[in-house]
N, C-alpha and C. Protein backbone atom coordinates (compact mmCIF):
# COMPACT_ATOMS: atom_id res chain seq x y z
N MET A 1 -11.89 -15.24 -30.20
CA MET A 1 -10.43 -14.86 -30.18
C MET A 1 -9.64 -15.57 -31.61
N ALA A 2 -8.75 -14.50 -31.91
CA ALA A 2 -8.09 -14.73 -33.22
C ALA A 2 -6.99 -15.73 -32.90
N ASN A 3 -6.64 -16.45 -34.23
CA ASN A 3 -5.75 -17.50 -33.82
C ASN A 3 -4.17 -16.62 -33.81
N ARG A 4 -3.27 -17.42 -33.23
CA ARG A 4 -2.03 -16.79 -33.16
C ARG A 4 -1.29 -15.90 -34.65
N LYS A 5 -1.65 -16.55 -35.89
CA LYS A 5 -1.06 -16.15 -36.92
C LYS A 5 -1.78 -14.87 -37.37
N SER A 6 -3.10 -14.76 -36.92
CA SER A 6 -4.04 -13.37 -37.57
C SER A 6 -3.48 -12.42 -36.74
N LEU A 7 -3.50 -11.17 -37.29
CA LEU A 7 -2.99 -9.99 -36.76
C LEU A 7 -4.13 -9.27 -36.24
N LEU A 8 -4.15 -8.68 -35.22
CA LEU A 8 -5.50 -8.06 -34.74
C LEU A 8 -5.53 -6.49 -35.71
N VAL A 9 -4.45 -6.12 -36.21
CA VAL A 9 -4.87 -4.81 -37.22
C VAL A 9 -3.89 -5.46 -38.48
N PRO A 10 -4.93 -5.99 -39.26
CA PRO A 10 -4.42 -6.30 -40.46
C PRO A 10 -3.76 -5.27 -41.53
N GLU A 11 -3.97 -4.28 -41.30
CA GLU A 11 -3.20 -3.11 -41.93
C GLU A 11 -1.62 -2.86 -41.55
N ALA A 12 -1.20 -3.62 -40.25
CA ALA A 12 0.05 -3.40 -39.77
C ALA A 12 0.97 -4.30 -40.54
N ARG A 13 0.38 -5.28 -41.26
CA ARG A 13 1.06 -6.39 -42.17
C ARG A 13 2.37 -5.70 -43.06
N ALA A 14 2.12 -4.74 -43.76
CA ALA A 14 3.28 -4.46 -44.45
C ALA A 14 4.42 -3.74 -43.58
N ALA A 15 3.86 -2.88 -42.33
CA ALA A 15 4.72 -2.30 -41.68
C ALA A 15 5.84 -3.70 -40.82
N LEU A 16 5.12 -4.70 -40.56
CA LEU A 16 5.77 -5.75 -39.77
C LEU A 16 6.77 -6.51 -41.11
N GLU A 17 6.26 -6.58 -42.13
CA GLU A 17 7.25 -7.06 -43.01
C GLU A 17 8.50 -6.28 -43.52
N GLN A 18 8.09 -4.81 -43.59
CA GLN A 18 9.32 -4.09 -43.65
C GLN A 18 10.13 -4.21 -42.51
N MET A 19 9.84 -4.28 -41.21
CA MET A 19 10.40 -4.27 -40.15
C MET A 19 11.44 -5.59 -40.20
N LYS A 20 10.77 -6.80 -40.56
CA LYS A 20 11.54 -7.98 -40.65
C LYS A 20 12.80 -7.84 -41.45
N TYR A 21 12.34 -7.22 -42.73
CA TYR A 21 13.72 -7.31 -43.75
C TYR A 21 14.71 -6.22 -43.12
N GLU A 22 14.11 -5.09 -42.35
CA GLU A 22 15.25 -4.18 -41.86
C GLU A 22 16.03 -4.74 -40.69
N ILE A 23 15.32 -5.87 -39.75
CA ILE A 23 16.13 -6.23 -38.80
C ILE A 23 17.26 -7.28 -39.11
N ALA A 24 16.45 -7.96 -40.29
CA ALA A 24 17.34 -9.10 -40.79
C ALA A 24 18.63 -8.58 -41.61
N GLN A 25 18.67 -7.25 -41.97
CA GLN A 25 19.72 -6.74 -42.64
C GLN A 25 20.68 -6.37 -41.30
N GLU A 26 20.03 -5.86 -40.51
CA GLU A 26 20.77 -5.22 -39.30
C GLU A 26 21.58 -6.55 -38.48
N LEU A 27 20.95 -7.63 -38.74
CA LEU A 27 21.52 -8.79 -38.08
C LEU A 27 22.37 -9.55 -39.20
N GLY A 28 22.56 -8.99 -40.26
CA GLY A 28 23.65 -9.70 -41.32
C GLY A 28 22.79 -11.02 -41.69
N ILE A 29 21.47 -11.18 -41.91
CA ILE A 29 20.83 -12.45 -42.10
C ILE A 29 20.24 -11.98 -43.42
N GLN A 30 20.62 -13.09 -44.51
CA GLN A 30 20.10 -12.93 -45.95
C GLN A 30 18.80 -13.54 -45.87
N LEU A 31 17.69 -13.04 -45.97
CA LEU A 31 16.16 -13.63 -46.31
C LEU A 31 16.19 -13.97 -47.59
N PRO A 32 15.56 -15.31 -47.73
CA PRO A 32 15.31 -15.82 -49.34
C PRO A 32 14.51 -15.05 -49.98
N ALA A 33 14.64 -14.78 -51.50
CA ALA A 33 14.09 -13.78 -52.40
C ALA A 33 12.78 -14.28 -52.65
N ASP A 34 12.39 -15.88 -52.59
CA ASP A 34 11.32 -16.48 -53.04
C ASP A 34 10.31 -16.55 -51.76
N GLY A 35 10.61 -16.00 -50.73
CA GLY A 35 9.95 -16.06 -49.51
C GLY A 35 9.70 -17.59 -48.93
N TYR A 36 10.62 -18.52 -49.10
CA TYR A 36 10.42 -19.76 -48.58
C TYR A 36 11.55 -19.74 -47.60
N TYR A 37 11.11 -19.82 -46.16
CA TYR A 37 12.01 -19.98 -45.05
C TYR A 37 12.26 -21.30 -44.63
N GLY A 38 11.98 -22.37 -45.22
CA GLY A 38 12.26 -23.85 -44.90
C GLY A 38 13.90 -23.96 -44.69
N HIS A 39 14.66 -23.20 -45.62
CA HIS A 39 16.10 -23.62 -45.37
C HIS A 39 16.71 -22.67 -44.27
N MET A 40 16.09 -21.62 -43.66
CA MET A 40 16.63 -20.88 -42.54
C MET A 40 16.63 -21.55 -41.34
N THR A 41 17.80 -21.14 -40.48
CA THR A 41 17.91 -21.93 -39.44
C THR A 41 17.15 -21.29 -38.13
N THR A 42 16.67 -22.27 -37.41
CA THR A 42 15.59 -21.61 -36.19
C THR A 42 16.37 -20.68 -35.64
N TYR A 43 17.66 -20.50 -35.23
CA TYR A 43 18.32 -19.60 -34.49
C TYR A 43 18.33 -18.23 -35.24
N ASP A 44 18.48 -17.98 -36.66
CA ASP A 44 18.29 -17.06 -37.19
C ASP A 44 16.97 -16.37 -37.38
N MET A 45 15.92 -17.37 -37.49
CA MET A 45 14.59 -16.93 -37.54
C MET A 45 14.05 -16.37 -36.07
N GLY A 46 14.85 -17.09 -35.08
CA GLY A 46 14.53 -16.79 -33.73
C GLY A 46 14.86 -15.42 -33.31
N SER A 47 16.02 -15.09 -33.96
CA SER A 47 16.88 -13.93 -33.81
C SER A 47 16.17 -12.59 -34.28
N ILE A 48 15.50 -12.92 -35.69
CA ILE A 48 14.77 -11.93 -36.15
C ILE A 48 13.38 -11.92 -35.20
N GLY A 49 12.75 -12.82 -35.13
CA GLY A 49 11.35 -12.66 -34.28
C GLY A 49 11.74 -11.85 -32.88
N GLY A 50 12.66 -12.20 -32.26
CA GLY A 50 12.97 -11.40 -30.87
C GLY A 50 13.32 -10.35 -31.08
N SER A 51 14.12 -10.07 -32.05
CA SER A 51 14.27 -8.76 -32.37
C SER A 51 13.03 -7.56 -32.55
N ILE A 52 12.25 -8.40 -33.32
CA ILE A 52 10.87 -7.53 -33.77
C ILE A 52 10.09 -7.40 -32.51
N THR A 53 10.10 -8.33 -31.70
CA THR A 53 9.29 -8.39 -30.43
C THR A 53 9.85 -7.26 -29.43
N LYS A 54 11.26 -7.27 -29.32
CA LYS A 54 11.87 -6.09 -28.72
C LYS A 54 11.56 -4.80 -29.08
N ARG A 55 11.60 -4.66 -30.47
CA ARG A 55 11.49 -3.50 -30.78
C ARG A 55 10.00 -3.04 -30.77
N LEU A 56 8.88 -3.72 -30.81
CA LEU A 56 7.64 -3.45 -30.77
C LEU A 56 7.34 -3.08 -29.27
N VAL A 57 8.03 -3.68 -28.32
CA VAL A 57 7.73 -3.43 -26.97
C VAL A 57 8.43 -2.13 -26.88
N GLN A 58 9.61 -1.77 -27.16
CA GLN A 58 10.23 -0.54 -27.13
C GLN A 58 9.09 0.74 -27.77
N ILE A 59 8.52 0.47 -28.73
CA ILE A 59 7.74 1.31 -29.40
C ILE A 59 6.61 1.61 -28.49
N ALA A 60 6.05 0.76 -28.07
CA ALA A 60 4.80 0.66 -27.15
C ALA A 60 5.28 1.60 -25.75
N GLN A 61 6.54 1.04 -25.15
CA GLN A 61 6.67 1.90 -24.01
C GLN A 61 6.86 3.35 -24.16
N GLU A 62 7.59 3.73 -25.26
CA GLU A 62 7.58 5.17 -25.81
C GLU A 62 6.41 5.81 -25.88
N GLN A 63 5.44 5.18 -26.40
CA GLN A 63 4.18 5.81 -26.64
C GLN A 63 3.45 5.92 -25.31
N MET A 64 3.69 4.91 -24.47
CA MET A 64 2.81 4.93 -23.25
C MET A 64 3.57 6.26 -22.44
N ALA A 65 4.77 6.18 -22.53
CA ALA A 65 5.26 7.43 -21.56
C ALA A 65 5.19 8.62 -22.15
N GLY A 66 4.79 8.88 -23.04
CA GLY A 66 4.29 10.19 -24.02
C GLY A 66 2.89 10.62 -23.50
N ARG A 67 2.16 9.48 -22.88
CA ARG A 67 0.79 9.94 -22.63
C ARG A 67 0.53 10.19 -21.16
N PHE A 68 1.61 10.06 -20.45
CA PHE A 68 1.45 10.39 -19.07
C PHE A 68 2.21 11.74 -18.35
């Protein structure tokens, strides 16, 4: 079993990173250019993570609906 931080599909890392920046921009959250998130609020990071999860579930549901 993989640990929580490892991706099941490592090739998806770039797409997830892109999604993180897109969602942050949509939410009006400025991500640090140096990649250090230690000064970010838990609320902002949770908003980004929750939105990513919501979007991934939506994508999966759309793909599943197309198969049946």
